[in-house]
Every structure is written in structure tokens, then in C-alpha cells.
Amino acid sequence: MKKSFILYLLLSAFSRFALGAAEEVPSRLSERKDQSWYSSQAAEWKAIVDQHPGNNKAWLNYYLATRYANKASEETLYSQIKSMAESFEKELILAFHFEQTDEGYVHTQKANELRKNNFMAQVLMMAHAERLGLENQRKAYAMKVMSQQRIYQSLLSYNYNVLMSIEPNGVLLVDGDNTSIPLWLLQDAMDIRTDVKVVDLNLCKDENYLNSLSSRWQLQTEGLSGLNESEFTQKLPDVNPEFNFFYSLTLDRQYLSEIENQLYVVGLASVRSEKRINNVEEIRTNLEQKFLLDYVSVDFNGEPQTASGRKLTPNYLVPALLLKRYYQSQHLESPQLDAIIEKIARESGRADVVKNFLTVSEPHKPYAAIEIDTKDLEETFKPIRGKLYAQYSEVTNKSYNDFLSYLQEHNMDNLYKKCNYDLSQYEGGGLAMMKSYHEVIDPSKMSKKKEYYTNYPVIDISYEGAVEYCQWLTDQYNQQSIKKFKKVVFRLPTLNEWQIAALGYKGFQSWNLNDVVVTLDSKRNKSNPQTFKVSDHDIIYPWYIYDVEFVKEAINSKGCYLGNFKTSDEITCPNGIHGDGFKMAAKVARYFANDMGLFDVVGNVAEMVSEKGKACGGSWDDIPEKSSIKSVKNYDGPSASIGFRVFMEVIEE
């Protein structure tokens, strides 16, 4: 009896296996199987078609499996398809075969008429509506497609994040229905990021589509007819310089070969720019503030690993690894990012590649601790938002000299040489002056009347010196037994962080300066509240908080300069001061603080940010118009007009 039962189980299992060998081939919008699966299914369905040539369902699955396994084999199959009896399946096969052409549209319409609620036919109708510029029809079919709930959440979440990678009104280039359809579904059925102009490269040879791009979005397409995908990808931005162009990470790399040196990853897309940009800043904003990433960490919906959105998940490694490398360079911890990277790397079989990419050849060894006054240090930092703080002034000569003295006392000669002042640009009287400026002064010689240059901003140092100072300060603070915070990181700010801190508006709505809308209350302005958009002004000074009329003014109503800029020696201030009163850098905290308590965010010395070669706010050597909150200058080495301000990020309270 027992043997008979086992035999029954074996036979039943064999029967189920035999019947289930041929599986229905799903839409690529739902699942993406391995190539071997499609090949084996093509063979299974062919066997059924050979035995039952009138089985239309078998023909459809045979065709789809062959198409997805090896598109070249599809042509051989086409001659057999033509002999099929008229049916929905035949029309759908011909719709796939003729793709985005007028003939393909005819067959798509017939398939849709024969089976009104078919998912694949509705998707193809969406694509044709886009090709022909029929926006209302595309939206109508998008609603029908979404109502069928055949698309897994992971694909929608992935494409939501693609859209969120694009700047307002940006143009996004994609290739093919499988990448464009989910984007259109989000735009048409869910009203998400409808400002993004999605351009499908698979349609770029179609005159109807080119005309549609011109009429809908005023994109110039004249002269682009007949170009292949690579040529179109390069030429479309060239003839439309007023638009910002983005490229999906799913694009075939051969299309980008001519412009790859101009592409900067900003999330799940790259932006084209002829100028170097700080893309890490954009990646950080997108990954940490805009993206939906819960689905990457946890599968809430029980999706199969073959779900189309899951197959795209490894693309997150591109921006995530760039951001992780930045965090490493700044000695910042990122546990949530680390968890995402580790999970994606493990599940996609890329763990070794990721490990090699992130390997740091010389791990940081903390500086030996010395006693510092943590309370005094903490009091110099003003809150920006959350766990981020900024020092009230630029780093002073005294603070930086303490660091240099430490390096000397601990025989750290190589670091001392790297971080020491570079006075090679000076000679004669100028050299003598700058030696005096940077001189280490015995505290016993100082008095209220004579502080020398100890409280002037540190200058003539390298970017590496500023970064090392931050690391030294981090190590010293974290090793103290008495302190307010358990663990912090002192670092250079990102460009966005610096600009928001410089603006000083506590109610800021975004870390992107141009997205901020400022409302000034009546108490401060002695009038009704006033509102202005930061994006409306090319020049902004922090004293706008006293009156919006001063938003673009470097001089107050009495004719006195409000910051240390490059000015003429003309006397405009009633107290007889020539210009702004200084020939070069002034003592820190000499002028007004902004509403966050930060002094000299414009003028005095330009302040380094985390992107090497960029400094913000202008300086004593820059005219007022080049010394605003929005001012960013390039530098290639130590300078008498460039210093830095330390930001503090609380890691553990």
C-alpha cells in the first residue's frame, strides 16, 4: 500500500510537470524571465503548435517566447503566422511584429476591437497614441491598463524614482515601450510629474512623432528626420539648448558614446552638461529625500524575483555607490545606504564588484586625543535643521594654528606639509605681510587692544588641509568624555547646505535654494508680511531679513557697505570710511549675522564646500555682485581670498 501511494505521488507529480511545462508568456511589463526560460518555452509551445496548429493561444505564446528569446528568429516565424486563421491572437502577433508603424497600428486596433479588455493590446494602443500625438487617447488607455492591476508595484516605484530624478520641465530620453509605458502610466493615470517630457528613441524615425514633439512641447525637430538613435540622442539637445536633457540609466550605452563625457548621474537618470556639475549633491537629495525606496529593502507585495521592477533594481547601485564613495571621503556614516547597497549587491551577484569599488586603501586612524573645551566649541555652532549645524564664523587663524601645532608636536611631518600655509604666491613686502598674518602668537602677548590676526579667517590653505582639519576636530571631539553629543562629524558643507545656511531662512521648504519661498513677518519689516521667491533674484544678500528692499543691495540707506567686498576707496559712509573699510580680509564676525546666527556668509573670504574647487559667497577680492548667497567661484589652489566654515552633523545624540 505504501509503495502504491508513493508511486501515485510520483505519477501525479510527473503529470503536473508535463502539463505545466508550457507556461503562459507574460507581458514584459509584468515579468522579465531569463533568456533560457524564453528559449525553453519557445520549444515547448512549438511542440504544441506542431500537434495542434489551430491552437491560437499556443501560437501567441510561441511567438512571444521566440520574440523575447531571439528576435532574429521572429522573422522566420512570421511567414508561418500569416497562414493563421483570422483571430485576436493573429492580430496581436502582427501588431507586435510591425511595431510602431502605421501597419502595426491597424493590427493593434483590430486586436483591441476583437478583445476589448486585453492588457497587451491596451498597452500597444497607448504606445501608438503617443506616436501619433493623441494625448487624450493615451490617457484613456493608461487608465484602462492601470485598472487591470497587471503591473507590479516595484516597476511603478522604480519609474516614479526615474521621474523624480528629473529637474522641472526636463526632457527625459528612454528607449522602447517597456521603459516608456510605466512613465506614461504614472503621468496619465496618477498625475505624477506631468511636467517631464518623456521622449522615446524607438519612435525618433517616425515623422508623426517628431511633429508631435514640436506641437506639444515646442521641441525643435527640423532636420532630425531619418537620424538613427545615436545621432538623434546627440542632435536633439543641440538644437534645443533651452531645455535640460536627461537620459534613463536603462538606455543602450551605444546611443550615448558621443556624449558620455558630458553625462552626470543624478539618480536613475543622467543629465547632460558641458560644464562640470556637483552631481553627488543631486544624488544625495534624490536618494535621501525624493525616492521611494522601501520596496527595495522589503518586499511588501510578495512579488516574484522575475517582476520587471525587481530586474531593474541593480540600477540603484550606480547612484548609491557614487554617494557612498562621497560619504567615505567625508568620513560620514550611512547605515541606511549601506544596507540598501549590501542587499542589492548580494541579490544581484555583484557583491565582489561593490566591495572592490568601495575599498579604501588607507583606512583612517583617529588622531590621538588632547583635551579641548567642548562647551566653547559647541557654542560656536548654530542649528540649521535637524542634526545639521554650522559654525557662526569662518575658521580662524587661531583655530587652524592649533591644528598645525598639534601636527608638529606629534611629528606628523607629511600631514603638516600638506596642511601648512602655502605662501609661494607672495614675495617681498607681500610675503612679509602674509607671514605676519599667519604667525602663531603666544597668548601672553595678546590683549584686547592687540589680538594680532588670530581672529581673522584662515586663508592660503588647500582643500585637503580644510578636510583634514575637519577630521582632526571630529576625532578630538568624539574622544572627549564631557560633551553634549555622543558622536558628531565636522565637515565641509555641500553646496546646497551652504546656500541654505547662508540664506538664513529658518522656514526653508527645500535644500534647493531656488525652490525656497521666503515670507518676512511684519515685526521684522514693520509692515505687512512680504513674500518673495529666491529663484526670482540672481543676487541675494542675507540682510534681506531687515527689509526685502535690501535683497539685492550691498549698501544700506546711509551709503555704508554691509559686507567686506572689493570696492573703490570712495567715501560713501557718513563716518568717513573709505569703501568698506578693509583692504583685504576682516576680523571674523565683523558684520551682521543672518537670521540663523551666521556671520560673513557673503564677502570677507569665499568659503570652500565639499566639492573640491568650488567656494561660495564671494570675498574681499570680489565685487559685491559676485559676493552674494548664490555666488560660486572656482579655485585651483590656496588663495588669500578663500577660507572655510565648518559644519557639524550629529550622528548620535
Foldseek 3Di string as FASTA:
>chain_A
DVVVVVVVVVVVVVVVCVVCQQDADDDLLFFDDDLVSLVSNLVVLVVVCVVPVQPLSSLLRNLVSCCSNPVVCNVVCVVVLVPHDDDLSSLLSVLVVVDQDPSSQVSLVVSCVRPVLDLSSLLSQLVNCLLQLVLVSNLVSLQSNVVVVSHDPLLLQVLLLVLVLADFLAEEEDEDSSNVVSNSSCCRVVVRRVSYHYDYLNSQQPPSNLVSCCVPPVQDCPPSHPDHLLVCVVVSCVRVVVHKYKYAPPDDCVSCVVQVVQWDDQFRITTGDPDDDDSLVSLCCSVPPPHDCPCLLDPPPPGDCRTSSNVCLLSRLVSLLVNVLLCVLLVHDDVVSVSSNVSSCVVVVNVVVSCVSNDDPDDDDADDEDDDDQVVVVVQWFDQDDQKTWGQKFDFLQLLVVVLVSCVVVVVVVLNVQWPADLVVDDDPRSVVVCQLNPDDDPVPDDPVRPRRRQFHDFRGFPVNQSVSQRNVQSHQCPDPDHDANHKGKGFAALLVLLSVQLLQNPFDDSHQQQGKDWAPCVLAVDHIDIDGSVVDPFAHQVCNNPVVCRRPQADPQQAGQEQAADAQDDRHPVRAGHNNDPAADRIPPGDGHNRNHTCSWERAFADGSPGQKTAQYYNHHHNRCRGSNHIGGDDGTDSRYGHIMMMGRDGD
